[in-house]
């Protein structure tokens, strides 16, 4: 999985933490992105660095403004309040909508916003946390970048997540096989909070059983279902003209409470990846182009060899027709998936 490309000038969480560590952290930040774990973890570390524990309620103000937004006058009042006991006073404002649905839309309001954001005192650390940032509102983003930083807290790629898991295991005197790491990332859908919870579960199990090496079998036993691996097996069943086996695997996933919509999406994505693998051929090129781990790229090459390009294209067209049938109301989701698997298995 690839991280979203950062717009020019935007930072990521490591830039913020490095600046804090080097005592060069600025006064104004706008956090946005899909990875809430990084947002929460970065905020927690900044609070521990700059706010005294005994004065946390006074010197760190946190407010969710998703329902009522914030006025410029109130904002000025908040940021001009000096810290009581801490190095800096932190103001964290969540979902103000200032960079989306509540953005100031007149030149006068935009000018006022720039003035307010440009007059944050040295003792203050102001952090906006926004799920939605409209990149088309360039003047409003410039108001932040002129006085601070926009920070993209997005899903991390396989390489970073792999290093994170292996480092955590190593710090707890555990070894983990690469196949287990890859599977853990895929079954957690690259969500760092889910990965952290699964790793904690694994470590507790290993401690209680004196296990020192984590393999794929242990991951299968302890962790959330691996939908990606099952999709691989489902595709193998289709290639072997065993639609009955593909339907069995589908029912297994549904019995584990996996949404049918998700199964259809992942099957379509997997077939698209197989088409790319068929075209590219080399696992190294596939890993680079598709931004997947070499372990996954190798499996894609192996499975793609069992299909002709014509077969893969037909299968992909079937996923498209299935999607249209569901969205147009012509077919119920589960029935559409069943029809797709049977048709693909009979090609």
C-alpha atoms as a PDB file:
ATOM      1  CA  UNK A   1       0.000   0.000   0.000  1.00  0.00           C
ATOM      2  CA  UNK A   2       1.339   3.412  -0.908  1.00  0.00           C
ATOM      3  CA  UNK A   3       1.137   6.488   1.206  1.00  0.00           C
ATOM      4  CA  UNK A   4      -0.682   9.387  -0.377  1.00  0.00           C
ATOM      5  CA  UNK A   5       1.692  11.868  -1.944  1.00  0.00           C
ATOM      6  CA  UNK A   6       2.183  14.960   0.193  1.00  0.00           C
ATOM      7  CA  UNK A   7       1.540  18.289  -1.494  1.00  0.00           C
ATOM      8  CA  UNK A   8       4.647  20.462  -1.737  1.00  0.00           C
ATOM      9  CA  UNK A   9       5.577  21.950   1.609  1.00  0.00           C
ATOM     10  CA  UNK A  10       3.434  19.611   3.700  1.00  0.00           C
ATOM     11  CA  UNK A  11       5.133  17.661   6.497  1.00  0.00           C
ATOM     12  CA  UNK A  12       4.540  14.294   8.147  1.00  0.00           C
ATOM     13  CA  UNK A  13       4.445  13.207  11.784  1.00  0.00           C
ATOM     14  CA  UNK A  14       8.188  12.444  11.929  1.00  0.00           C
ATOM     15  CA  UNK A  15       8.998  16.043  10.952  1.00  0.00           C
ATOM     16  CA  UNK A  16       6.919  17.292  13.886  1.00  0.00           C
ATOM     17  CA  UNK A  17       8.482  14.918  16.411  1.00  0.00           C
ATOM     18  CA  UNK A  18      12.019  15.629  15.171  1.00  0.00           C
ATOM     19  CA  UNK A  19      11.430  19.383  15.481  1.00  0.00           C
ATOM     20  CA  UNK A  20      10.117  18.904  19.007  1.00  0.00           C
ATOM     21  CA  UNK A  21      13.126  16.752  19.897  1.00  0.00           C
ATOM     22  CA  UNK A  22      15.508  19.388  18.519  1.00  0.00           C
ATOM     23  CA  UNK A  23      13.624  22.208  20.249  1.00  0.00           C
ATOM     24  CA  UNK A  24      12.759  23.868  16.924  1.00  0.00           C
ATOM     25  CA  UNK A  25       9.022  23.257  16.946  1.00  0.00           C
ATOM     26  CA  UNK A  26       6.880  26.070  15.567  1.00  0.00           C
ATOM     27  CA  UNK A  27       3.694  27.571  16.975  1.00  0.00           C
ATOM     28  CA  UNK A  28       0.994  26.562  14.481  1.00  0.00           C
ATOM     29  CA  UNK A  29       0.033  23.220  12.947  1.00  0.00           C
ATOM     30  CA  UNK A  30      -2.809  21.789  10.893  1.00  0.00           C
ATOM     31  CA  UNK A  31      -3.046  17.978  11.203  1.00  0.00           C
ATOM     32  CA  UNK A  32      -5.059  16.103   8.591  1.00  0.00           C
ATOM     33  CA  UNK A  33      -5.190  12.559   7.224  1.00  0.00           C
ATOM     34  CA  UNK A  34      -6.691   9.094   7.649  1.00  0.00           C
ATOM     35  CA  UNK A  35      -4.361   7.650  10.283  1.00  0.00           C
ATOM     36  CA  UNK A  36      -5.909   8.676  13.589  1.00  0.00           C
ATOM     37  CA  UNK A  37      -3.341   6.638  15.512  1.00  0.00           C
ATOM     38  CA  UNK A  38      -0.590   8.988  14.326  1.00  0.00           C
ATOM     39  CA  UNK A  39      -2.675  12.037  15.231  1.00  0.00           C
ATOM     40  CA  UNK A  40      -3.372  10.763  18.762  1.00  0.00           C
ATOM     41  CA  UNK A  41       0.183   9.536  19.321  1.00  0.00           C
ATOM     42  CA  UNK A  42       1.771  12.795  18.112  1.00  0.00           C
ATOM     43  CA  UNK A  43      -0.554  14.893  20.276  1.00  0.00           C
ATOM     44  CA  UNK A  44       0.224  12.713  23.285  1.00  0.00           C
ATOM     45  CA  UNK A  45       3.986  13.093  22.795  1.00  0.00           C
ATOM     46  CA  UNK A  46       3.740  16.864  22.373  1.00  0.00           C
ATOM     47  CA  UNK A  47       1.674  17.157  25.549  1.00  0.00           C
ATOM     48  CA  UNK A  48       4.226  15.115  27.485  1.00  0.00           C
ATOM     49  CA  UNK A  49       7.048  17.312  26.174  1.00  0.00           C
ATOM     50  CA  UNK A  50       5.560  20.751  26.782  1.00  0.00           C
ATOM     51  CA  UNK A  51       2.881  20.462  29.470  1.00  0.00           C
ATOM     52  CA  UNK A  52       3.491  19.722  33.133  1.00  0.00           C
ATOM     53  CA  UNK A  53       1.379  16.791  34.337  1.00  0.00           C
ATOM     54  CA  UNK A  54       0.157  18.743  37.350  1.00  0.00           C
ATOM     55  CA  UNK A  55      -1.075  21.547  35.089  1.00  0.00           C
ATOM     56  CA  UNK A  56      -2.480  19.458  32.245  1.00  0.00           C
ATOM     57  CA  UNK A  57      -6.049  20.691  32.702  1.00  0.00           C
ATOM     58  CA  UNK A  58      -4.924  24.319  32.693  1.00  0.00           C
ATOM     59  CA  UNK A  59      -2.114  24.394  30.149  1.00  0.00           C
ATOM     60  CA  UNK A  60      -3.649  22.096  27.523  1.00  0.00           C
ATOM     61  CA  UNK A  61      -6.998  23.062  26.024  1.00  0.00           C
ATOM     62  CA  UNK A  62      -8.722  20.458  23.824  1.00  0.00           C
ATOM     63  CA  UNK A  63     -12.060  21.072  22.143  1.00  0.00           C
ATOM     64  CA  UNK A  64     -14.094  19.352  19.426  1.00  0.00           C
ATOM     65  CA  UNK A  65     -15.783  22.039  17.315  1.00  0.00           C
ATOM     66  CA  UNK A  66     -17.557  19.787  14.803  1.00  0.00           C
ATOM     67  CA  UNK A  67     -20.961  21.128  15.862  1.00  0.00           C
ATOM     68  CA  UNK A  68     -20.307  24.844  16.329  1.00  0.00           C
ATOM     69  CA  UNK A  69     -16.963  25.890  14.833  1.00  0.00           C
ATOM     70  CA  UNK A  70     -14.945  28.733  16.359  1.00  0.00           C
ATOM     71  CA  UNK A  71     -14.902  32.496  15.943  1.00  0.00           C
ATOM     72  CA  UNK A  72     -11.743  34.523  15.388  1.00  0.00           C
ATOM     73  CA  UNK A  73     -12.329  36.439  18.637  1.00  0.00           C
ATOM     74  CA  UNK A  74     -12.610  33.248  20.680  1.00  0.00           C
ATOM     75  CA  UNK A  75      -9.523  31.856  18.978  1.00  0.00           C
ATOM     76  CA  UNK A  76      -7.521  34.968  19.847  1.00  0.00           C
ATOM     77  CA  UNK A  77      -8.639  34.714  23.459  1.00  0.00           C
ATOM     78  CA  UNK A  78      -7.516  31.091  23.661  1.00  0.00           C
ATOM     79  CA  UNK A  79      -4.058  31.518  22.138  1.00  0.00           C
ATOM     80  CA  UNK A  80      -3.238  34.699  24.033  1.00  0.00           C
ATOM     81  CA  UNK A  81      -3.707  32.952  27.385  1.00  0.00           C
ATOM     82  CA  UNK A  82      -0.206  32.259  28.758  1.00  0.00           C
ATOM     83  CA  UNK A  83       0.807  28.918  30.349  1.00  0.00           C
ATOM     84  CA  UNK A  84       0.410  28.617  34.118  1.00  0.00           C
ATOM     85  CA  UNK A  85       3.167  26.146  34.970  1.00  0.00           C
ATOM     86  CA  UNK A  86       4.280  24.628  31.663  1.00  0.00           C
ATOM     87  CA  UNK A  87       6.835  25.457  28.999  1.00  0.00           C
ATOM     88  CA  UNK A  88       4.066  26.180  26.478  1.00  0.00           C
ATOM     89  CA  UNK A  89       0.271  26.310  26.471  1.00  0.00           C
ATOM     90  CA  UNK A  90      -1.211  23.910  23.930  1.00  0.00           C
ATOM     91  CA  UNK A  91      -4.522  24.619  22.212  1.00  0.00           C
ATOM     92  CA  UNK A  92      -5.955  21.682  20.245  1.00  0.00           C
ATOM     93  CA  UNK A  93      -9.023  22.464  18.143  1.00  0.00           C
ATOM     94  CA  UNK A  94     -10.685  19.548  16.351  1.00  0.00           C
ATOM     95  CA  UNK A  95     -12.993  19.683  13.333  1.00  0.00           C
ATOM     96  CA  UNK A  96     -13.457  23.455  13.172  1.00  0.00           C
ATOM     97  CA  UNK A  97     -14.236  23.218   9.461  1.00  0.00           C
ATOM     98  CA  UNK A  98     -12.130  26.308   8.776  1.00  0.00           C
ATOM     99  CA  UNK A  99     -10.494  24.537   5.826  1.00  0.00           C
ATOM    100  CA  UNK A 100     -13.674  22.939   4.467  1.00  0.00           C
ATOM    101  CA  UNK A 101     -17.366  23.664   5.093  1.00  0.00           C
ATOM    102  CA  UNK A 102     -16.821  26.631   7.462  1.00  0.00           C
ATOM    103  CA  UNK A 103     -14.002  28.268   5.544  1.00  0.00           C
ATOM    104  CA  UNK A 104     -14.122  32.089   5.454  1.00  0.00           C
ATOM    105  CA  UNK A 105     -15.255  32.942   1.946  1.00  0.00           C
ATOM    106  CA  UNK A 106     -14.756  36.694   1.708  1.00  0.00           C
ATOM    107  CA  UNK A 107     -11.460  38.574   1.234  1.00  0.00           C
ATOM    108  CA  UNK A 108     -12.071  40.414   4.526  1.00  0.00           C
ATOM    109  CA  UNK A 109     -12.596  37.172   6.477  1.00  0.00           C
ATOM    110  CA  UNK A 110      -9.567  35.544   4.872  1.00  0.00           C
ATOM    111  CA  UNK A 111      -7.440  38.572   5.733  1.00  0.00           C
ATOM    112  CA  UNK A 112      -8.660  38.392   9.337  1.00  0.00           C
ATOM    113  CA  UNK A 113      -7.776  34.707   9.466  1.00  0.00           C
ATOM    114  CA  UNK A 114      -4.238  35.357   8.254  1.00  0.00           C
ATOM    115  CA  UNK A 115      -3.824  38.087  10.869  1.00  0.00           C
ATOM    116  CA  UNK A 116      -5.042  35.829  13.659  1.00  0.00           C
ATOM    117  CA  UNK A 117      -2.839  32.919  12.605  1.00  0.00           C
ATOM    118  CA  UNK A 118       0.134  35.237  12.182  1.00  0.00           C
ATOM    119  CA  UNK A 119      -0.044  36.617  15.717  1.00  0.00           C
ATOM    120  CA  UNK A 120       0.349  33.475  17.790  1.00  0.00           C
ATOM    121  CA  UNK A 121       2.696  34.226  20.726  1.00  0.00           C
ATOM    122  CA  UNK A 122       5.893  32.277  21.366  1.00  0.00           C
ATOM    123  CA  UNK A 123       4.509  30.577  24.469  1.00  0.00           C
ATOM    124  CA  UNK A 124       1.615  29.046  22.501  1.00  0.00           C
ATOM    125  CA  UNK A 125       1.367  25.833  20.500  1.00  0.00           C
ATOM    126  CA  UNK A 126      -1.802  25.731  18.388  1.00  0.00           C
ATOM    127  CA  UNK A 127      -2.872  22.538  16.628  1.00  0.00           C
ATOM    128  CA  UNK A 128      -5.914  22.202  14.376  1.00  0.00           C
ATOM    129  CA  UNK A 129      -7.034  18.624  13.699  1.00  0.00           C
ATOM    130  CA  UNK A 130      -9.249  18.355  10.617  1.00  0.00           C
ATOM    131  CA  UNK A 131     -10.580  15.241   8.882  1.00  0.00           C
ATOM    132  CA  UNK A 132     -11.352  17.265   5.777  1.00  0.00           C
ATOM    133  CA  UNK A 133      -9.077  19.826   4.168  1.00  0.00           C
ATOM    134  CA  UNK A 134     -10.105  21.263   0.813  1.00  0.00           C
ATOM    135  CA  UNK A 135      -6.862  21.680  -1.131  1.00  0.00           C
ATOM    136  CA  UNK A 136      -8.643  24.021  -3.538  1.00  0.00           C
ATOM    137  CA  UNK A 137      -8.850  26.663  -0.803  1.00  0.00           C
ATOM    138  CA  UNK A 138      -5.266  27.696  -1.411  1.00  0.00           C
ATOM    139  CA  UNK A 139      -5.519  31.075   0.337  1.00  0.00           C
ATOM    140  CA  UNK A 140      -6.622  29.365   3.544  1.00  0.00           C
ATOM    141  CA  UNK A 141      -3.865  26.764   3.399  1.00  0.00           C
ATOM    142  CA  UNK A 142      -1.349  29.514   2.702  1.00  0.00           C
ATOM    143  CA  UNK A 143      -2.530  31.168   5.911  1.00  0.00           C
ATOM    144  CA  UNK A 144      -1.180  28.111   7.750  1.00  0.00           C
ATOM    145  CA  UNK A 145       1.957  27.474   5.714  1.00  0.00           C
ATOM    146  CA  UNK A 146       2.955  31.148   6.013  1.00  0.00           C
ATOM    147  CA  UNK A 147       2.897  30.898   9.798  1.00  0.00           C
ATOM    148  CA  UNK A 148       3.242  27.195  10.530  1.00  0.00           C
ATOM    149  CA  UNK A 149       2.959  23.711   8.996  1.00  0.00           C
ATOM    150  CA  UNK A 150       0.337  21.491   7.407  1.00  0.00           C
ATOM    151  CA  UNK A 151       1.006  17.899   8.514  1.00  0.00           C
ATOM    152  CA  UNK A 152      -0.325  14.866   6.637  1.00  0.00           C
ATOM    153  CA  UNK A 153      -1.127  12.030   9.044  1.00  0.00           C
ATOM    154  CA  UNK A 154      -1.929   9.363   6.471  1.00  0.00           C
ATOM    155  CA  UNK A 155      -1.839   5.585   6.257  1.00  0.00           C
ATOM    156  CA  UNK A 156       1.748   4.326   6.279  1.00  0.00           C
ATOM    157  CA  UNK A 157       3.301   2.057   3.663  1.00  0.00           C
ATOM    158  CA  UNK A 158       4.221  -1.598   4.124  1.00  0.00           C
ATOM    159  CA  UNK A 159       7.915  -0.894   4.658  1.00  0.00           C
ATOM    160  CA  UNK A 160       7.336   1.506   7.548  1.00  0.00           C
ATOM    161  CA  UNK A 161       4.714  -0.743   9.194  1.00  0.00           C
ATOM    162  CA  UNK A 162       6.989  -3.758   8.794  1.00  0.00           C
ATOM    163  CA  UNK A 163       9.871  -1.955  10.535  1.00  0.00           C
ATOM    164  CA  UNK A 164       7.513  -0.833  13.306  1.00  0.00           C
ATOM    165  CA  UNK A 165       6.223  -4.360  13.986  1.00  0.00           C
ATOM    166  CA  UNK A 166       9.688  -5.935  13.861  1.00  0.00           C
ATOM    167  CA  UNK A 167      11.137  -3.259  16.161  1.00  0.00           C
ATOM    168  CA  UNK A 168       8.345  -3.742  18.700  1.00  0.00           C
ATOM    169  CA  UNK A 169       8.835  -7.506  18.659  1.00  0.00           C
ATOM    170  CA  UNK A 170      12.598  -7.181  18.967  1.00  0.00           C
ATOM    171  CA  UNK A 171      12.254  -4.831  21.946  1.00  0.00           C
ATOM    172  CA  UNK A 172      10.243  -7.577  23.626  1.00  0.00           C
ATOM    173  CA  UNK A 173      12.799 -10.269  22.735  1.00  0.00           C
ATOM    174  CA  UNK A 174      10.618 -11.887  20.110  1.00  0.00           C
ATOM    175  CA  UNK A 175      11.347 -12.887  16.521  1.00  0.00           C
ATOM    176  CA  UNK A 176       8.686 -12.658  13.833  1.00  0.00           C
ATOM    177  CA  UNK A 177       8.789 -14.187  10.357  1.00  0.00           C
ATOM    178  CA  UNK A 178       8.329 -11.823   7.409  1.00  0.00           C
ATOM    179  CA  UNK A 179       5.292 -13.758   6.169  1.00  0.00           C
ATOM    180  CA  UNK A 180       3.685 -13.179   9.565  1.00  0.00           C
ATOM    181  CA  UNK A 181       4.494  -9.453   9.429  1.00  0.00           C
ATOM    182  CA  UNK A 182       2.983  -9.107   5.959  1.00  0.00           C
ATOM    183  CA  UNK A 183      -0.135 -11.014   6.950  1.00  0.00           C
ATOM    184  CA  UNK A 184      -0.558  -8.937  10.103  1.00  0.00           C
ATOM    185  CA  UNK A 185      -0.395  -5.707   8.086  1.00  0.00           C
ATOM    186  CA  UNK A 186      -2.881  -6.935   5.490  1.00  0.00           C
ATOM    187  CA  UNK A 187      -5.415  -8.330   7.951  1.00  0.00           C
ATOM    188  CA  UNK A 188      -5.243  -5.102   9.973  1.00  0.00           C
ATOM    189  CA  UNK A 189      -5.868  -3.104   6.775  1.00  0.00           C
ATOM    190  CA  UNK A 190      -2.781  -0.981   7.486  1.00  0.00           C
ATOM    191  CA  UNK A 191      -4.512   0.614  10.500  1.00  0.00           C
ATOM    192  CA  UNK A 192      -1.859   1.269  13.140  1.00  0.00           C
ATOM    193  CA  UNK A 193      -4.242   1.078  16.108  1.00  0.00           C
ATOM    194  CA  UNK A 194      -5.439  -2.348  14.990  1.00  0.00           C
ATOM    195  CA  UNK A 195      -1.856  -3.482  14.441  1.00  0.00           C
ATOM    196  CA  UNK A 196      -0.839  -2.237  17.888  1.00  0.00           C
ATOM    197  CA  UNK A 197      -3.734  -4.106  19.531  1.00  0.00           C
ATOM    198  CA  UNK A 198      -2.925  -7.310  17.639  1.00  0.00           C
ATOM    199  CA  UNK A 199       0.787  -7.060  18.489  1.00  0.00           C
ATOM    200  CA  UNK A 200      -0.066  -6.544  22.166  1.00  0.00           C
ATOM    201  CA  UNK A 201      -2.256  -9.662  22.061  1.00  0.00           C
ATOM    202  CA  UNK A 202       0.547 -11.670  20.442  1.00  0.00           C
ATOM    203  CA  UNK A 203       3.126 -10.508  22.973  1.00  0.00           C
ATOM    204  CA  UNK A 204       0.877 -11.399  25.915  1.00  0.00           C
ATOM    205  CA  UNK A 205       0.330 -14.863  24.443  1.00  0.00           C
ATOM    206  CA  UNK A 206       4.058 -15.363  23.862  1.00  0.00           C
ATOM    207  CA  UNK A 207       4.848 -14.288  27.410  1.00  0.00           C
ATOM    208  CA  UNK A 208       2.308 -16.692  28.856  1.00  0.00           C
ATOM    209  CA  UNK A 209       3.463 -19.648  26.729  1.00  0.00           C
ATOM    210  CA  UNK A 210       7.207 -18.931  26.623  1.00  0.00           C
ATOM    211  CA  UNK A 211       7.011 -18.584  22.829  1.00  0.00           C
ATOM    212  CA  UNK A 212       9.954 -16.718  21.268  1.00  0.00           C
ATOM    213  CA  UNK A 213       9.179 -16.909  17.543  1.00  0.00           C
ATOM    214  CA  UNK A 214       6.005 -15.674  15.856  1.00  0.00           C
ATOM    215  CA  UNK A 215       5.026 -17.405  12.615  1.00  0.00           C
ATOM    216  CA  UNK A 216       2.081 -17.260  10.247  1.00  0.00           C
ATOM    217  CA  UNK A 217       0.294 -20.133  11.990  1.00  0.00           C
ATOM    218  CA  UNK A 218       0.313 -18.197  15.264  1.00  0.00           C
ATOM    219  CA  UNK A 219      -0.995 -15.080  13.519  1.00  0.00           C
ATOM    220  CA  UNK A 220      -3.829 -17.163  12.016  1.00  0.00           C
ATOM    221  CA  UNK A 221      -4.681 -18.550  15.437  1.00  0.00           C
ATOM    222  CA  UNK A 222      -4.664 -15.298  17.412  1.00  0.00           C
ATOM    223  CA  UNK A 223      -5.448 -12.397  15.110  1.00  0.00           C
ATOM    224  CA  UNK A 224      -8.337 -10.958  13.113  1.00  0.00           C
ATOM    225  CA  UNK A 225      -9.167 -12.891   9.908  1.00  0.00           C
ATOM    226  CA  UNK A 226      -6.848 -12.383   6.934  1.00  0.00           C
ATOM    227  CA  UNK A 227      -9.286 -11.341   4.225  1.00  0.00           C
ATOM    228  CA  UNK A 228      -6.471 -10.796   1.694  1.00  0.00           C
ATOM    229  CA  UNK A 229      -5.174 -14.354   2.119  1.00  0.00           C
ATOM    230  CA  UNK A 230      -8.689 -15.727   1.711  1.00  0.00           C
ATOM    231  CA  UNK A 231      -9.118 -13.656  -1.459  1.00  0.00           C
ATOM    232  CA  UNK A 232      -5.930 -15.298  -2.775  1.00  0.00           C
ATOM    233  CA  UNK A 233      -7.410 -18.727  -1.986  1.00  0.00           C
ATOM    234  CA  UNK A 234     -10.722 -17.733  -3.549  1.00  0.00           C
ATOM    235  CA  UNK A 235      -8.928 -16.726  -6.748  1.00  0.00           C
ATOM    236  CA  UNK A 236      -7.004 -20.006  -6.748  1.00  0.00           C
ATOM    237  CA  UNK A 237     -10.334 -21.839  -6.522  1.00  0.00           C
ATOM    238  CA  UNK A 238     -11.637 -19.845  -9.494  1.00  0.00           C
ATOM    239  CA  UNK A 239      -8.487 -20.693 -11.473  1.00  0.00           C
ATOM    240  CA  UNK A 240      -8.956 -24.383 -10.645  1.00  0.00           C
ATOM    241  CA  UNK A 241     -12.592 -24.132 -11.828  1.00  0.00           C
ATOM    242  CA  UNK A 242     -13.857 -24.837  -8.310  1.00  0.00           C
ATOM    243  CA  UNK A 243     -16.615 -22.261  -7.788  1.00  0.00           C
ATOM    244  CA  UNK A 244     -17.955 -24.448  -4.955  1.00  0.00           C
ATOM    245  CA  UNK A 245     -14.689 -23.900  -3.040  1.00  0.00           C
ATOM    246  CA  UNK A 246     -14.779 -20.162  -3.815  1.00  0.00           C
ATOM    247  CA  UNK A 247     -18.337 -20.010  -2.421  1.00  0.00           C
ATOM    248  CA  UNK A 248     -17.242 -21.934   0.676  1.00  0.00           C
ATOM    249  CA  UNK A 249     -14.465 -19.389   1.323  1.00  0.00           C
ATOM    250  CA  UNK A 250     -16.920 -16.531   0.752  1.00  0.00           C
ATOM    251  CA  UNK A 251     -19.298 -18.014   3.327  1.00  0.00           C
ATOM    252  CA  UNK A 252     -16.421 -18.400   5.783  1.00  0.00           C
ATOM    253  CA  UNK A 253     -15.647 -14.688   5.539  1.00  0.00           C
ATOM    254  CA  UNK A 254     -19.311 -13.728   5.901  1.00  0.00           C
ATOM    255  CA  UNK A 255     -19.649 -15.987   8.978  1.00  0.00           C
ATOM    256  CA  UNK A 256     -16.732 -14.043  10.482  1.00  0.00           C
ATOM    257  CA  UNK A 257     -18.786 -10.834  10.017  1.00  0.00           C
ATOM    258  CA  UNK A 258     -16.805  -9.528   7.054  1.00  0.00           C
ATOM    259  CA  UNK A 259     -19.044  -7.199   4.987  1.00  0.00           C
ATOM    260  CA  UNK A 260     -19.959  -8.484   1.531  1.00  0.00           C
ATOM    261  CA  UNK A 261     -19.166  -5.025   0.126  1.00  0.00           C
ATOM    262  CA  UNK A 262     -15.626  -5.313   1.427  1.00  0.00           C
ATOM    263  CA  UNK A 263     -15.198  -8.831  -0.008  1.00  0.00           C
ATOM    264  CA  UNK A 264     -16.366  -7.661  -3.456  1.00  0.00           C
ATOM    265  CA  UNK A 265     -14.051  -4.643  -3.326  1.00  0.00           C
ATOM    266  CA  UNK A 266     -11.019  -6.684  -2.287  1.00  0.00           C
ATOM    267  CA  UNK A 267     -11.677  -9.315  -4.947  1.00  0.00           C
ATOM    268  CA  UNK A 268     -11.875  -6.626  -7.641  1.00  0.00           C
ATOM    269  CA  UNK A 269      -8.680  -4.992  -6.339  1.00  0.00           C
ATOM    270  CA  UNK A 270      -6.898  -8.349  -6.280  1.00  0.00           C
ATOM    271  CA  UNK A 271      -7.859  -9.150  -9.868  1.00  0.00           C
ATOM    272  CA  UNK A 272      -6.663  -5.684 -10.906  1.00  0.00           C
ATOM    273  CA  UNK A 273      -3.340  -6.399  -9.189  1.00  0.00           C
ATOM    274  CA  UNK A 274      -3.086  -9.727 -11.011  1.00  0.00           C
ATOM    275  CA  UNK A 275      -3.563  -7.935 -14.341  1.00  0.00           C
ATOM    276  CA  UNK A 276      -0.734  -5.565 -13.409  1.00  0.00           C
ATOM    277  CA  UNK A 277       1.423  -8.513 -12.320  1.00  0.00           C
ATOM    278  CA  UNK A 278       0.745 -10.260 -15.632  1.00  0.00           C
ATOM    279  CA  UNK A 279       1.806  -7.163 -17.547  1.00  0.00           C
ATOM    280  CA  UNK A 280       4.873  -6.304 -15.466  1.00  0.00           C
ATOM    281  CA  UNK A 281       6.199  -9.832 -14.902  1.00  0.00           C
ATOM    282  CA  UNK A 282       9.031  -8.992 -12.495  1.00  0.00           C
ATOM    283  CA  UNK A 283       8.267  -9.184  -8.780  1.00  0.00           C
ATOM    284  CA  UNK A 284      10.678  -6.318  -8.099  1.00  0.00           C
ATOM    285  CA  UNK A 285       8.907  -4.065 -10.601  1.00  0.00           C
ATOM    286  CA  UNK A 286       5.520  -5.108  -9.199  1.00  0.00           C
ATOM    287  CA  UNK A 287       6.595  -4.336  -5.639  1.00  0.00           C
ATOM    288  CA  UNK A 288       7.789  -0.906  -6.756  1.00  0.00           C
ATOM    289  CA  UNK A 289       4.830  -0.008  -8.980  1.00  0.00           C
ATOM    290  CA  UNK A 290       2.036  -1.390  -6.768  1.00  0.00           C
ATOM    291  CA  UNK A 291       3.779  -0.396  -3.528  1.00  0.00           C
ATOM    292  CA  UNK A 292       3.404  -3.859  -2.004  1.00  0.00           C
ATOM    293  CA  UNK A 293       5.858  -5.970  -0.048  1.00  0.00           C
ATOM    294  CA  UNK A 294       8.114  -8.260  -2.167  1.00  0.00           C
ATOM    295  CA  UNK A 295       6.455 -11.230  -0.437  1.00  0.00           C
ATOM    296  CA  UNK A 296       3.071 -10.139  -1.813  1.00  0.00           C
ATOM    297  CA  UNK A 297       4.568  -9.323  -5.228  1.00  0.00           C
ATOM    298  CA  UNK A 298       6.035 -12.829  -5.467  1.00  0.00           C
ATOM    299  CA  UNK A 299       2.643 -14.381  -4.688  1.00  0.00           C
ATOM    300  CA  UNK A 300       0.964 -12.177  -7.299  1.00  0.00           C
ATOM    301  CA  UNK A 301       3.427 -13.320  -9.969  1.00  0.00           C
ATOM    302  CA  UNK A 302       2.903 -16.975  -9.052  1.00  0.00           C
ATOM    303  CA  UNK A 303      -0.880 -16.716  -9.143  1.00  0.00           C
ATOM    304  CA  UNK A 304      -0.970 -14.594 -12.310  1.00  0.00           C
ATOM    305  CA  UNK A 305       0.948 -17.360 -14.123  1.00  0.00           C
ATOM    306  CA  UNK A 306      -2.100 -19.619 -13.686  1.00  0.00           C
ATOM    307  CA  UNK A 307      -4.303 -17.274 -15.734  1.00  0.00           C
ATOM    308  CA  UNK A 308      -4.174 -15.877 -19.230  1.00  0.00           C
ATOM    309  CA  UNK A 309      -4.515 -12.129 -19.655  1.00  0.00           C
ATOM    310  CA  UNK A 310      -7.836 -12.756 -21.417  1.00  0.00           C
ATOM    311  CA  UNK A 311      -9.152 -14.657 -18.394  1.00  0.00           C
ATOM    312  CA  UNK A 312      -8.100 -11.914 -15.976  1.00  0.00           C
ATOM    313  CA  UNK A 313      -9.709  -9.223 -18.113  1.00  0.00           C
ATOM    314  CA  UNK A 314     -12.950 -11.231 -18.267  1.00  0.00           C
ATOM    315  CA  UNK A 315     -12.893 -11.664 -14.487  1.00  0.00           C
ATOM    316  CA  UNK A 316     -12.369  -7.957 -14.003  1.00  0.00           C
ATOM    317  CA  UNK A 317     -15.306  -7.184 -16.309  1.00  0.00           C
ATOM    318  CA  UNK A 318     -17.430  -9.542 -14.184  1.00  0.00           C
ATOM    319  CA  UNK A 319     -16.534  -7.583 -11.034  1.00  0.00           C
ATOM    320  CA  UNK A 320     -17.574  -4.377 -12.804  1.00  0.00           C
ATOM    321  CA  UNK A 321     -20.911  -5.878 -13.904  1.00  0.00           C
ATOM    322  CA  UNK A 322     -21.483  -7.185 -10.379  1.00  0.00           C
ATOM    323  CA  UNK A 323     -20.870  -3.727  -8.942  1.00  0.00           C
ATOM    324  CA  UNK A 324     -23.299  -2.139 -11.423  1.00  0.00           C
ATOM    325  CA  UNK A 325     -25.963  -4.752 -10.617  1.00  0.00           C
ATOM    326  CA  UNK A 326     -25.745  -3.990  -6.902  1.00  0.00           C
ATOM    327  CA  UNK A 327     -25.641  -0.208  -7.231  1.00  0.00           C
ATOM    328  CA  UNK A 328     -28.550  -0.167  -9.674  1.00  0.00           C
ATOM    329  CA  UNK A 329     -30.649  -2.288  -7.321  1.00  0.00           C
ATOM    330  CA  UNK A 330     -30.956  -5.173  -9.796  1.00  0.00           C
ATOM    331  CA  UNK A 331     -29.279  -7.662  -7.473  1.00  0.00           C
ATOM    332  CA  UNK A 332     -28.729  -8.060  -3.722  1.00  0.00           C
ATOM    333  CA  UNK A 333     -25.058  -7.865  -2.661  1.00  0.00           C
ATOM    334  CA  UNK A 334     -24.552 -11.437  -1.544  1.00  0.00           C
ATOM    335  CA  UNK A 335     -26.339 -12.856  -4.568  1.00  0.00           C
ATOM    336  CA  UNK A 336     -24.233 -10.644  -6.861  1.00  0.00           C
ATOM    337  CA  UNK A 337     -21.028 -11.969  -5.292  1.00  0.00           C
ATOM    338  CA  UNK A 338     -22.212 -15.579  -5.576  1.00  0.00           C
ATOM    339  CA  UNK A 339     -23.086 -15.091  -9.245  1.00  0.00           C
ATOM    340  CA  UNK A 340     -19.689 -13.461  -9.830  1.00  0.00           C
ATOM    341  CA  UNK A 341     -17.772 -16.366  -8.260  1.00  0.00           C
ATOM    342  CA  UNK A 342     -19.747 -19.026 -10.138  1.00  0.00           C
ATOM    343  CA  UNK A 343     -19.398 -17.214 -13.484  1.00  0.00           C
ATOM    344  CA  UNK A 344     -15.666 -16.630 -12.979  1.00  0.00           C
ATOM    345  CA  UNK A 345     -15.139 -20.285 -11.987  1.00  0.00           C
ATOM    346  CA  UNK A 346     -16.789 -21.517 -15.190  1.00  0.00           C
ATOM    347  CA  UNK A 347     -14.772 -19.461 -17.659  1.00  0.00           C
END
